[in-house]
Amino acid sequence: MLSREAKKRREAAEAFADAGRADKAALEKAEGEVIAKYLPEQMSEDEIKKLIAAAIAQTGASGPGDMGKVMGVIKSQTAGKADGGTVSGLVKEALNK
C-alpha cells in the first residue's frame, strides 16, 4: 500500500512539473520522500536479474510463454522490494533473448 502511495506521489510530481506547477511538484515530491522512508530498501536491477536467471533455470523456462512460471517463482522474493512492472519487464526481456 505504501509503495503504491509513493508511486502516486512520484507520478503526480512529474505531472505537476510538466504542467509548470513547480510548487505543487515540490509538495508531491516531499510527500513521496516521507512515505519512501517507511518502505523496505528496493532491490537493484542487477539483483532482480540474478533472481530471474535463477528462476528461469529452476523452471526450465524457454520463451515468453513461460513468463507465468518465472513470475510465480520470483514474485514472493521481490514482493515489497521491487516494482512489479519493472520485474515483469525484466522477465520479458530475459525470456525474449
PDB file of N, CA and C in Angstrom:
ATOM      1  N   MET A   1       0.820  -1.181   0.000  1.00  0.00           N
ATOM      2  CA  MET A   1       0.000   0.000   0.000  1.00  0.00           C
ATOM      3  C   MET A   1       0.875   1.259   0.000  1.00  0.00           C
ATOM      4  N   LEU A   2       1.921   1.274   0.824  1.00  0.00           N
ATOM      5  CA  LEU A   2       2.780   2.450   0.861  1.00  0.00           C
ATOM      6  C   LEU A   2       3.528   2.653  -0.449  1.00  0.00           C
ATOM      7  N   SER A   3       3.948   1.559  -1.066  1.00  0.00           N
ATOM      8  CA  SER A   3       4.670   1.707  -2.331  1.00  0.00           C
ATOM      9  C   SER A   3       3.751   2.299  -3.398  1.00  0.00           C
ATOM     10  N   ARG A   4       2.491   1.926  -3.355  1.00  0.00           N
ATOM     11  CA  ARG A   4       1.521   2.471  -4.304  1.00  0.00           C
ATOM     12  C   ARG A   4       1.353   3.981  -4.078  1.00  0.00           C
ATOM     13  N   GLU A   5       1.287   4.389  -2.815  1.00  0.00           N
ATOM     14  CA  GLU A   5       1.141   5.816  -2.500  1.00  0.00           C
ATOM     15  C   GLU A   5       2.391   6.597  -2.905  1.00  0.00           C
ATOM     16  N   ALA A   6       3.560   6.017  -2.677  1.00  0.00           N
ATOM     17  CA  ALA A   6       4.802   6.684  -3.079  1.00  0.00           C
ATOM     18  C   ALA A   6       4.842   6.846  -4.596  1.00  0.00           C
ATOM     19  N   LYS A   7       4.399   5.821  -5.308  1.00  0.00           N
ATOM     20  CA  LYS A   7       4.376   5.883  -6.774  1.00  0.00           C
ATOM     21  C   LYS A   7       3.406   6.963  -7.244  1.00  0.00           C
ATOM     22  N   LYS A   8       2.243   7.056  -6.598  1.00  0.00           N
ATOM     23  CA  LYS A   8       1.270   8.098  -6.956  1.00  0.00           C
ATOM     24  C   LYS A   8       1.888   9.482  -6.795  1.00  0.00           C
ATOM     25  N   ARG A   9       2.635   9.662  -5.700  1.00  0.00           N
ATOM     26  CA  ARG A   9       3.260  10.966  -5.445  1.00  0.00           C
ATOM     27  C   ARG A   9       4.312  11.289  -6.504  1.00  0.00           C
ATOM     28  N   ARG A  10       5.116  10.283  -6.888  1.00  0.00           N
ATOM     29  CA  ARG A  10       6.128  10.500  -7.935  1.00  0.00           C
ATOM     30  C   ARG A  10       5.461  10.895  -9.249  1.00  0.00           C
ATOM     31  N   GLU A  11       4.406  10.166  -9.605  1.00  0.00           N
ATOM     32  CA  GLU A  11       3.706  10.454 -10.860  1.00  0.00           C
ATOM     33  C   GLU A  11       3.044  11.829 -10.826  1.00  0.00           C
ATOM     34  N   ALA A  12       2.456  12.181  -9.691  1.00  0.00           N
ATOM     35  CA  ALA A  12       1.816  13.492  -9.559  1.00  0.00           C
ATOM     36  C   ALA A  12       2.860  14.599  -9.644  1.00  0.00           C
ATOM     37  N   ALA A  13       4.009  14.393  -9.011  1.00  0.00           N
ATOM     38  CA  ALA A  13       5.079  15.394  -9.059  1.00  0.00           C
ATOM     39  C   ALA A  13       5.541  15.608 -10.495  1.00  0.00           C
ATOM     40  N   GLU A  14       5.678  14.523 -11.254  1.00  0.00           N
ATOM     41  CA  GLU A  14       6.079  14.635 -12.661  1.00  0.00           C
ATOM     42  C   GLU A  14       5.024  15.391 -13.467  1.00  0.00           C
ATOM     43  N   ALA A  15       3.758  15.079 -13.222  1.00  0.00           N
ATOM     44  CA  ALA A  15       2.675  15.739 -13.953  1.00  0.00           C
ATOM     45  C   ALA A  15       2.639  17.237 -13.637  1.00  0.00           C
ATOM     46  N   PHE A  16       2.796  17.583 -12.357  1.00  0.00           N
ATOM     47  CA  PHE A  16       2.801  18.995 -11.982  1.00  0.00           C
ATOM     48  C   PHE A  16       4.005  19.711 -12.589  1.00  0.00           C
ATOM     49  N   ALA A  17       5.158  19.052 -12.588  1.00  0.00           N
ATOM     50  CA  ALA A  17       6.358  19.658 -13.171  1.00  0.00           C
ATOM     51  C   ALA A  17       6.167  19.895 -14.667  1.00  0.00           C
ATOM     52  N   ASP A  18       5.578  18.926 -15.345  1.00  0.00           N
ATOM     53  CA  ASP A  18       5.320  19.066 -16.784  1.00  0.00           C
ATOM     54  C   ASP A  18       4.338  20.198 -17.079  1.00  0.00           C
ATOM     55  N   ALA A  19       3.435  20.440 -16.123  1.00  0.00           N
ATOM     56  CA  ALA A  19       2.427  21.488 -16.301  1.00  0.00           C
ATOM     57  C   ALA A  19       2.930  22.850 -15.823  1.00  0.00           C
ATOM     58  N   GLY A  20       4.193  22.901 -15.370  1.00  0.00           N
ATOM     59  CA  GLY A  20       4.754  24.169 -14.923  1.00  0.00           C
ATOM     60  C   GLY A  20       4.357  24.567 -13.521  1.00  0.00           C
ATOM     61  N   ARG A  21       3.899  23.615 -12.733  1.00  0.00           N
ATOM     62  CA  ARG A  21       3.492  23.889 -11.349  1.00  0.00           C
ATOM     63  C   ARG A  21       4.563  23.379 -10.394  1.00  0.00           C
ATOM     64  N   ALA A  22       5.690  24.073 -10.346  1.00  0.00           N
ATOM     65  CA  ALA A  22       6.829  23.653  -9.534  1.00  0.00           C
ATOM     66  C   ALA A  22       6.477  23.570  -8.053  1.00  0.00           C
ATOM     67  N   ASP A  23       5.600  24.460  -7.569  1.00  0.00           N
ATOM     68  CA  ASP A  23       5.216  24.451  -6.160  1.00  0.00           C
ATOM     69  C   ASP A  23       4.503  23.154  -5.787  1.00  0.00           C
ATOM     70  N   LYS A  24       3.548  22.757  -6.616  1.00  0.00           N
ATOM     71  CA  LYS A  24       2.809  21.512  -6.365  1.00  0.00           C
ATOM     72  C   LYS A  24       3.717  20.298  -6.562  1.00  0.00           C
ATOM     73  N   ALA A  25       4.603  20.366  -7.549  1.00  0.00           N
ATOM     74  CA  ALA A  25       5.528  19.261  -7.807  1.00  0.00           C
ATOM     75  C   ALA A  25       6.429  19.042  -6.601  1.00  0.00           C
ATOM     76  N   ALA A  26       6.924  20.123  -6.016  1.00  0.00           N
ATOM     77  CA  ALA A  26       7.802  20.018  -4.847  1.00  0.00           C
ATOM     78  C   ALA A  26       7.057  19.411  -3.662  1.00  0.00           C
ATOM     79  N   LEU A  27       5.802  19.805  -3.477  1.00  0.00           N
ATOM     80  CA  LEU A  27       4.994  19.267  -2.381  1.00  0.00           C
ATOM     81  C   LEU A  27       4.779  17.764  -2.549  1.00  0.00           C
ATOM     82  N   GLU A  28       4.404  17.337  -3.750  1.00  0.00           N
ATOM     83  CA  GLU A  28       4.183  15.911  -4.010  1.00  0.00           C
ATOM     84  C   GLU A  28       5.475  15.118  -3.834  1.00  0.00           C
ATOM     85  N   LYS A  29       6.577  15.682  -4.305  1.00  0.00           N
ATOM     86  CA  LYS A  29       7.872  15.008  -4.176  1.00  0.00           C
ATOM     87  C   LYS A  29       8.243  14.844  -2.701  1.00  0.00           C
ATOM     88  N   ALA A  30       8.031  15.887  -1.909  1.00  0.00           N
ATOM     89  CA  ALA A  30       8.340  15.829  -0.479  1.00  0.00           C
ATOM     90  C   ALA A  30       7.487  14.772   0.221  1.00  0.00           C
ATOM     91  N   GLU A  31       6.206  14.717  -0.111  1.00  0.00           N
ATOM     92  CA  GLU A  31       5.329  13.705   0.484  1.00  0.00           C
ATOM     93  C   GLU A  31       5.789  12.302   0.097  1.00  0.00           C
ATOM     94  N   GLY A  32       6.177  12.128  -1.153  1.00  0.00           N
ATOM     95  CA  GLY A  32       6.670  10.833  -1.614  1.00  0.00           C
ATOM     96  C   GLY A  32       7.925  10.406  -0.879  1.00  0.00           C
ATOM     97  N   GLU A  33       8.806  11.357  -0.592  1.00  0.00           N
ATOM     98  CA  GLU A  33      10.040  11.041   0.132  1.00  0.00           C
ATOM     99  C   GLU A  33       9.747  10.608   1.566  1.00  0.00           C
ATOM    100  N   VAL A  34       8.755  11.239   2.191  1.00  0.00           N
ATOM    101  CA  VAL A  34       8.370  10.850   3.555  1.00  0.00           C
ATOM    102  C   VAL A  34       7.826   9.423   3.548  1.00  0.00           C
ATOM    103  N   ILE A  35       6.966   9.124   2.604  1.00  0.00           N
ATOM    104  CA  ILE A  35       6.395   7.776   2.500  1.00  0.00           C
ATOM    105  C   ILE A  35       7.494   6.759   2.234  1.00  0.00           C
ATOM    106  N   ALA A  36       8.439   7.093   1.364  1.00  0.00           N
ATOM    107  CA  ALA A  36       9.514   6.167   0.988  1.00  0.00           C
ATOM    108  C   ALA A  36      10.380   5.767   2.176  1.00  0.00           C
ATOM    109  N   LYS A  37      10.464   6.620   3.191  1.00  0.00           N
ATOM    110  CA  LYS A  37      11.262   6.297   4.381  1.00  0.00           C
ATOM    111  C   LYS A  37      10.712   5.074   5.111  1.00  0.00           C
ATOM    112  N   TYR A  38       9.441   4.784   4.942  1.00  0.00           N
ATOM    113  CA  TYR A  38       8.804   3.666   5.629  1.00  0.00           C
ATOM    114  C   TYR A  38       8.797   2.382   4.799  1.00  0.00           C
ATOM    115  N   LEU A  39       9.324   2.457   3.591  1.00  0.00           N
ATOM    116  CA  LEU A  39       9.360   1.291   2.703  1.00  0.00           C
ATOM    117  C   LEU A  39      10.668   0.536   2.877  1.00  0.00           C
ATOM    118  N   PRO A  40      10.649  -0.782   2.651  1.00  0.00           N
ATOM    119  CA  PRO A  40      11.913  -1.522   2.680  1.00  0.00           C
ATOM    120  C   PRO A  40      12.789  -1.073   1.513  1.00  0.00           C
ATOM    121  N   GLU A  41      14.091  -1.267   1.656  1.00  0.00           N
ATOM    122  CA  GLU A  41      15.014  -0.881   0.588  1.00  0.00           C
ATOM    123  C   GLU A  41      14.685  -1.661  -0.678  1.00  0.00           C
ATOM    124  N   GLN A  42      14.669  -0.960  -1.795  1.00  0.00           N
ATOM    125  CA  GLN A  42      14.331  -1.575  -3.075  1.00  0.00           C
ATOM    126  C   GLN A  42      15.525  -2.336  -3.644  1.00  0.00           C
ATOM    127  N   MET A  43      15.223  -3.419  -4.341  1.00  0.00           N
ATOM    128  CA  MET A  43      16.262  -4.232  -4.959  1.00  0.00           C
ATOM    129  C   MET A  43      16.812  -3.507  -6.183  1.00  0.00           C
ATOM    130  N   SER A  44      18.089  -3.738  -6.454  1.00  0.00           N
ATOM    131  CA  SER A  44      18.685  -3.158  -7.656  1.00  0.00           C
ATOM    132  C   SER A  44      18.280  -3.996  -8.863  1.00  0.00           C
ATOM    133  N   GLU A  45      18.452  -3.426 -10.034  1.00  0.00           N
ATOM    134  CA  GLU A  45      18.119  -4.142 -11.265  1.00  0.00           C
ATOM    135  C   GLU A  45      18.991  -5.394 -11.405  1.00  0.00           C
ATOM    136  N   ASP A  46      20.251  -5.298 -10.996  1.00  0.00           N
ATOM    137  CA  ASP A  46      21.148  -6.461 -11.074  1.00  0.00           C
ATOM    138  C   ASP A  46      20.677  -7.591 -10.157  1.00  0.00           C
ATOM    139  N   GLU A  47      20.217  -7.235  -8.948  1.00  0.00           N
ATOM    140  CA  GLU A  47      19.705  -8.250  -8.026  1.00  0.00           C
ATOM    141  C   GLU A  47      18.477  -8.942  -8.620  1.00  0.00           C
ATOM    142  N   ILE A  48      17.612  -8.158  -9.229  1.00  0.00           N
ATOM    143  CA  ILE A  48      16.408  -8.720  -9.840  1.00  0.00           C
ATOM    144  C   ILE A  48      16.789  -9.649 -10.986  1.00  0.00           C
ATOM    145  N   LYS A  49      17.737  -9.228 -11.807  1.00  0.00           N
ATOM    146  CA  LYS A  49      18.170 -10.051 -12.942  1.00  0.00           C
ATOM    147  C   LYS A  49      18.758 -11.383 -12.476  1.00  0.00           C
ATOM    148  N   LYS A  50      19.481 -11.381 -11.349  1.00  0.00           N
ATOM    149  CA  LYS A  50      20.032 -12.633 -10.803  1.00  0.00           C
ATOM    150  C   LYS A  50      18.902 -13.567 -10.379  1.00  0.00           C
ATOM    151  N   LEU A  51      17.878 -13.013  -9.727  1.00  0.00           N
ATOM    152  CA  LEU A  51      16.727 -13.827  -9.321  1.00  0.00           C
ATOM    153  C   LEU A  51      16.011 -14.389 -10.543  1.00  0.00           C
ATOM    154  N   ILE A  52      15.888 -13.574 -11.581  1.00  0.00           N
ATOM    155  CA  ILE A  52      15.224 -14.018 -12.807  1.00  0.00           C
ATOM    156  C   ILE A  52      16.000 -15.157 -13.446  1.00  0.00           C
ATOM    157  N   ALA A  53      17.320 -15.019 -13.525  1.00  0.00           N
ATOM    158  CA  ALA A  53      18.148 -16.078 -14.116  1.00  0.00           C
ATOM    159  C   ALA A  53      17.994 -17.377 -13.336  1.00  0.00           C
ATOM    160  N   ALA A  54      17.975 -17.282 -12.010  1.00  0.00           N
ATOM    161  CA  ALA A  54      17.808 -18.475 -11.180  1.00  0.00           C
ATOM    162  C   ALA A  54      16.421 -19.087 -11.385  1.00  0.00           C
ATOM    163  N   ALA A  55      15.395 -18.242 -11.489  1.00  0.00           N
ATOM    164  CA  ALA A  55      14.029 -18.737 -11.686  1.00  0.00           C
ATOM    165  C   ALA A  55      13.876 -19.394 -13.052  1.00  0.00           C
ATOM    166  N   ILE A  56      14.526 -18.843 -14.067  1.00  0.00           N
ATOM    167  CA  ILE A  56      14.474 -19.441 -15.402  1.00  0.00           C
ATOM    168  C   ILE A  56      15.136 -20.811 -15.379  1.00  0.00           C
ATOM    169  N   ALA A  57      16.276 -20.904 -14.711  1.00  0.00           N
ATOM    170  CA  ALA A  57      16.966 -22.190 -14.605  1.00  0.00           C
ATOM    171  C   ALA A  57      16.121 -23.196 -13.824  1.00  0.00           C
ATOM    172  N   GLN A  58      15.496 -22.735 -12.745  1.00  0.00           N
ATOM    173  CA  GLN A  58      14.685 -23.610 -11.892  1.00  0.00           C
ATOM    174  C   GLN A  58      13.463 -24.143 -12.628  1.00  0.00           C
ATOM    175  N   THR A  59      12.817 -23.286 -13.404  1.00  0.00           N
ATOM    176  CA  THR A  59      11.578 -23.689 -14.077  1.00  0.00           C
ATOM    177  C   THR A  59      11.806 -24.286 -15.458  1.00  0.00           C
ATOM    178  N   GLY A  60      12.998 -24.105 -15.994  1.00  0.00           N
ATOM    179  CA  GLY A  60      13.273 -24.587 -17.347  1.00  0.00           C
ATOM    180  C   GLY A  60      12.570 -23.751 -18.403  1.00  0.00           C
ATOM    181  N   ALA A  61      12.259 -22.513 -18.069  1.00  0.00           N
ATOM    182  CA  ALA A  61      11.564 -21.617 -18.997  1.00  0.00           C
ATOM    183  C   ALA A  61      12.418 -21.390 -20.239  1.00  0.00           C
ATOM    184  N   SER A  62      11.742 -21.380 -21.401  1.00  0.00           N
ATOM    185  CA  SER A  62      12.500 -21.244 -22.645  1.00  0.00           C
ATOM    186  C   SER A  62      11.977 -20.149 -23.566  1.00  0.00           C
ATOM    187  N   GLY A  63      10.926 -19.469 -23.173  1.00  0.00           N
ATOM    188  CA  GLY A  63      10.393 -18.421 -24.035  1.00  0.00           C
ATOM    189  C   GLY A  63       9.305 -17.633 -23.342  1.00  0.00           C
ATOM    190  N   PRO A  64       8.753 -16.643 -24.029  1.00  0.00           N
ATOM    191  CA  PRO A  64       7.727 -15.778 -23.442  1.00  0.00           C
ATOM    192  C   PRO A  64       6.504 -16.526 -22.911  1.00  0.00           C
ATOM    193  N   GLY A  65       6.223 -17.687 -23.443  1.00  0.00           N
ATOM    194  CA  GLY A  65       5.086 -18.470 -22.974  1.00  0.00           C
ATOM    195  C   GLY A  65       5.253 -18.989 -21.557  1.00  0.00           C
ATOM    196  N   ASP A  66       6.487 -18.981 -21.074  1.00  0.00           N
ATOM    197  CA  ASP A  66       6.777 -19.467 -19.721  1.00  0.00           C
ATOM    198  C   ASP A  66       6.879 -18.331 -18.700  1.00  0.00           C
ATOM    199  N   MET A  67       6.452 -17.151 -19.080  1.00  0.00           N
ATOM    200  CA  MET A  67       6.573 -15.995 -18.189  1.00  0.00           C
ATOM    201  C   MET A  67       5.846 -16.212 -16.864  1.00  0.00           C
ATOM    202  N   GLY A  68       4.673 -16.822 -16.911  1.00  0.00           N
ATOM    203  CA  GLY A  68       3.907 -17.072 -15.689  1.00  0.00           C
ATOM    204  C   GLY A  68       4.651 -17.948 -14.703  1.00  0.00           C
ATOM    205  N   LYS A  69       5.353 -18.953 -15.216  1.00  0.00           N
ATOM    206  CA  LYS A  69       6.139 -19.837 -14.350  1.00  0.00           C
ATOM    207  C   LYS A  69       7.225 -19.050 -13.628  1.00  0.00           C
ATOM    208  N   VAL A  70       7.936 -18.228 -14.387  1.00  0.00           N
ATOM    209  CA  VAL A  70       9.042 -17.453 -13.816  1.00  0.00           C
ATOM    210  C   VAL A  70       8.513 -16.438 -12.808  1.00  0.00           C
ATOM    211  N   MET A  71       7.452 -15.732 -13.168  1.00  0.00           N
ATOM    212  CA  MET A  71       6.878 -14.740 -12.259  1.00  0.00           C
ATOM    213  C   MET A  71       6.388 -15.398 -10.972  1.00  0.00           C
ATOM    214  N   GLY A  72       5.821 -16.591 -11.086  1.00  0.00           N
ATOM    215  CA  GLY A  72       5.354 -17.308  -9.905  1.00  0.00           C
ATOM    216  C   GLY A  72       6.469 -17.605  -8.927  1.00  0.00           C
ATOM    217  N   VAL A  73       7.641 -17.902  -9.451  1.00  0.00           N
ATOM    218  CA  VAL A  73       8.785 -18.225  -8.592  1.00  0.00           C
ATOM    219  C   VAL A  73       9.353 -16.971  -7.933  1.00  0.00           C
ATOM    220  N   ILE A  74       9.497 -15.890  -8.687  1.00  0.00           N
ATOM    221  CA  ILE A  74      10.183 -14.723  -8.124  1.00  0.00           C
ATOM    222  C   ILE A  74       9.269 -13.705  -7.444  1.00  0.00           C
ATOM    223  N   LYS A  75       7.972 -13.838  -7.624  1.00  0.00           N
ATOM    224  CA  LYS A  75       7.047 -12.857  -7.049  1.00  0.00           C
ATOM    225  C   LYS A  75       7.211 -12.738  -5.533  1.00  0.00           C
ATOM    226  N   SER A  76       7.296 -13.850  -4.843  1.00  0.00           N
ATOM    227  CA  SER A  76       7.422 -13.800  -3.387  1.00  0.00           C
ATOM    228  C   SER A  76       8.782 -13.260  -2.953  1.00  0.00           C
ATOM    229  N   GLN A  77       9.794 -13.440  -3.795  1.00  0.00           N
ATOM    230  CA  GLN A  77      11.143 -12.976  -3.456  1.00  0.00           C
ATOM    231  C   GLN A  77      11.310 -11.474  -3.669  1.00  0.00           C
ATOM    232  N   THR A  78      10.458 -10.899  -4.506  1.00  0.00           N
ATOM    233  CA  THR A  78      10.577  -9.470  -4.804  1.00  0.00           C
ATOM    234  C   THR A  78       9.455  -8.633  -4.201  1.00  0.00           C
ATOM    235  N   ALA A  79       8.482  -9.276  -3.574  1.00  0.00           N
ATOM    236  CA  ALA A  79       7.327  -8.557  -3.030  1.00  0.00           C
ATOM    237  C   ALA A  79       7.762  -7.458  -2.059  1.00  0.00           C
ATOM    238  N   GLY A  80       7.326  -6.244  -2.327  1.00  0.00           N
ATOM    239  CA  GLY A  80       7.647  -5.115  -1.471  1.00  0.00           C
ATOM    240  C   GLY A  80       9.046  -4.567  -1.665  1.00  0.00           C
ATOM    241  N   LYS A  81       9.864  -5.275  -2.433  1.00  0.00           N
ATOM    242  CA  LYS A  81      11.251  -4.855  -2.620  1.00  0.00           C
ATOM    243  C   LYS A  81      11.547  -4.419  -4.045  1.00  0.00           C
ATOM    244  N   ALA A  82      10.583  -4.615  -4.945  1.00  0.00           N
ATOM    245  CA  ALA A  82      10.778  -4.228  -6.344  1.00  0.00           C
ATOM    246  C   ALA A  82       9.426  -3.950  -6.979  1.00  0.00           C
ATOM    247  N   ASP A  83       9.404  -3.008  -7.881  1.00  0.00           N
ATOM    248  CA  ASP A  83       8.187  -2.663  -8.607  1.00  0.00           C
ATOM    249  C   ASP A  83       7.806  -3.816  -9.532  1.00  0.00           C
ATOM    250  N   GLY A  84       6.557  -4.232  -9.475  1.00  0.00           N
ATOM    251  CA  GLY A  84       6.087  -5.353 -10.289  1.00  0.00           C
ATOM    252  C   GLY A  84       6.250  -5.122 -11.777  1.00  0.00           C
ATOM    253  N   GLY A  85       6.039  -3.897 -12.224  1.00  0.00           N
ATOM    254  CA  GLY A  85       6.200  -3.580 -13.637  1.00  0.00           C
ATOM    255  C   GLY A  85       7.642  -3.726 -14.091  1.00  0.00           C
ATOM    256  N   THR A  86       8.556  -3.324 -13.229  1.00  0.00           N
ATOM    257  CA  THR A  86       9.981  -3.458 -13.540  1.00  0.00           C
ATOM    258  C   THR A  86      10.357  -4.922 -13.632  1.00  0.00           C
ATOM    259  N   VAL A  87       9.902  -5.708 -12.654  1.00  0.00           N
ATOM    260  CA  VAL A  87      10.205  -7.144 -12.648  1.00  0.00           C
ATOM    261  C   VAL A  87       9.639  -7.800 -13.898  1.00  0.00           C
ATOM    262  N   SER A  88       8.399  -7.503 -14.211  1.00  0.00           N
ATOM    263  CA  SER A  88       7.753  -8.078 -15.386  1.00  0.00           C
ATOM    264  C   SER A  88       8.519  -7.740 -16.664  1.00  0.00           C
ATOM    265  N   GLY A  89       8.930  -6.496 -16.797  1.00  0.00           N
ATOM    266  CA  GLY A  89       9.680  -6.077 -17.974  1.00  0.00           C
ATOM    267  C   GLY A  89      11.011  -6.797 -18.097  1.00  0.00           C
ATOM    268  N   LEU A  90      11.688  -6.985 -16.966  1.00  0.00           N
ATOM    269  CA  LEU A  90      12.975  -7.682 -16.989  1.00  0.00           C
ATOM    270  C   LEU A  90      12.802  -9.166 -17.304  1.00  0.00           C
ATOM    271  N   VAL A  91      11.703  -9.764 -16.816  1.00  0.00           N
ATOM    272  CA  VAL A  91      11.429 -11.171 -17.134  1.00  0.00           C
ATOM    273  C   VAL A  91      11.168 -11.310 -18.631  1.00  0.00           C
ATOM    274  N   LYS A  92      10.350 -10.427 -19.186  1.00  0.00           N
ATOM    275  CA  LYS A  92      10.074 -10.456 -20.634  1.00  0.00           C
ATOM    276  C   LYS A  92      11.362 -10.340 -21.429  1.00  0.00           C
ATOM    277  N   GLU A  93      12.197  -9.399 -21.022  1.00  0.00           N
ATOM    278  CA  GLU A  93      13.472  -9.179 -21.707  1.00  0.00           C
ATOM    279  C   GLU A  93      14.332 -10.438 -21.669  1.00  0.00           C
ATOM    280  N   ALA A  94      14.407 -11.070 -20.499  1.00  0.00           N
ATOM    281  CA  ALA A  94      15.232 -12.270 -20.350  1.00  0.00           C
ATOM    282  C   ALA A  94      14.686 -13.434 -21.170  1.00  0.00           C
ATOM    283  N   LEU A  95      13.369 -13.567 -21.233  1.00  0.00           N
ATOM    284  CA  LEU A  95      12.773 -14.688 -21.960  1.00  0.00           C
ATOM    285  C   LEU A  95      12.775 -14.482 -23.473  1.00  0.00           C
ATOM    286  N   ASN A  96      12.941 -13.259 -23.920  1.00  0.00           N
ATOM    287  CA  ASN A  96      12.975 -12.978 -25.357  1.00  0.00           C
ATOM    288  C   ASN A  96      14.376 -13.057 -25.944  1.00  0.00           C
ATOM    289  N   LYS A  97      15.362 -13.357 -25.125  1.00  0.00           N
ATOM    290  CA  LYS A  97      16.745 -13.453 -25.618  1.00  0.00           C
ATOM    291  C   LYS A  97      16.970 -14.756 -26.324  1.00  0.00           C
TER     292      LYS A  97
END
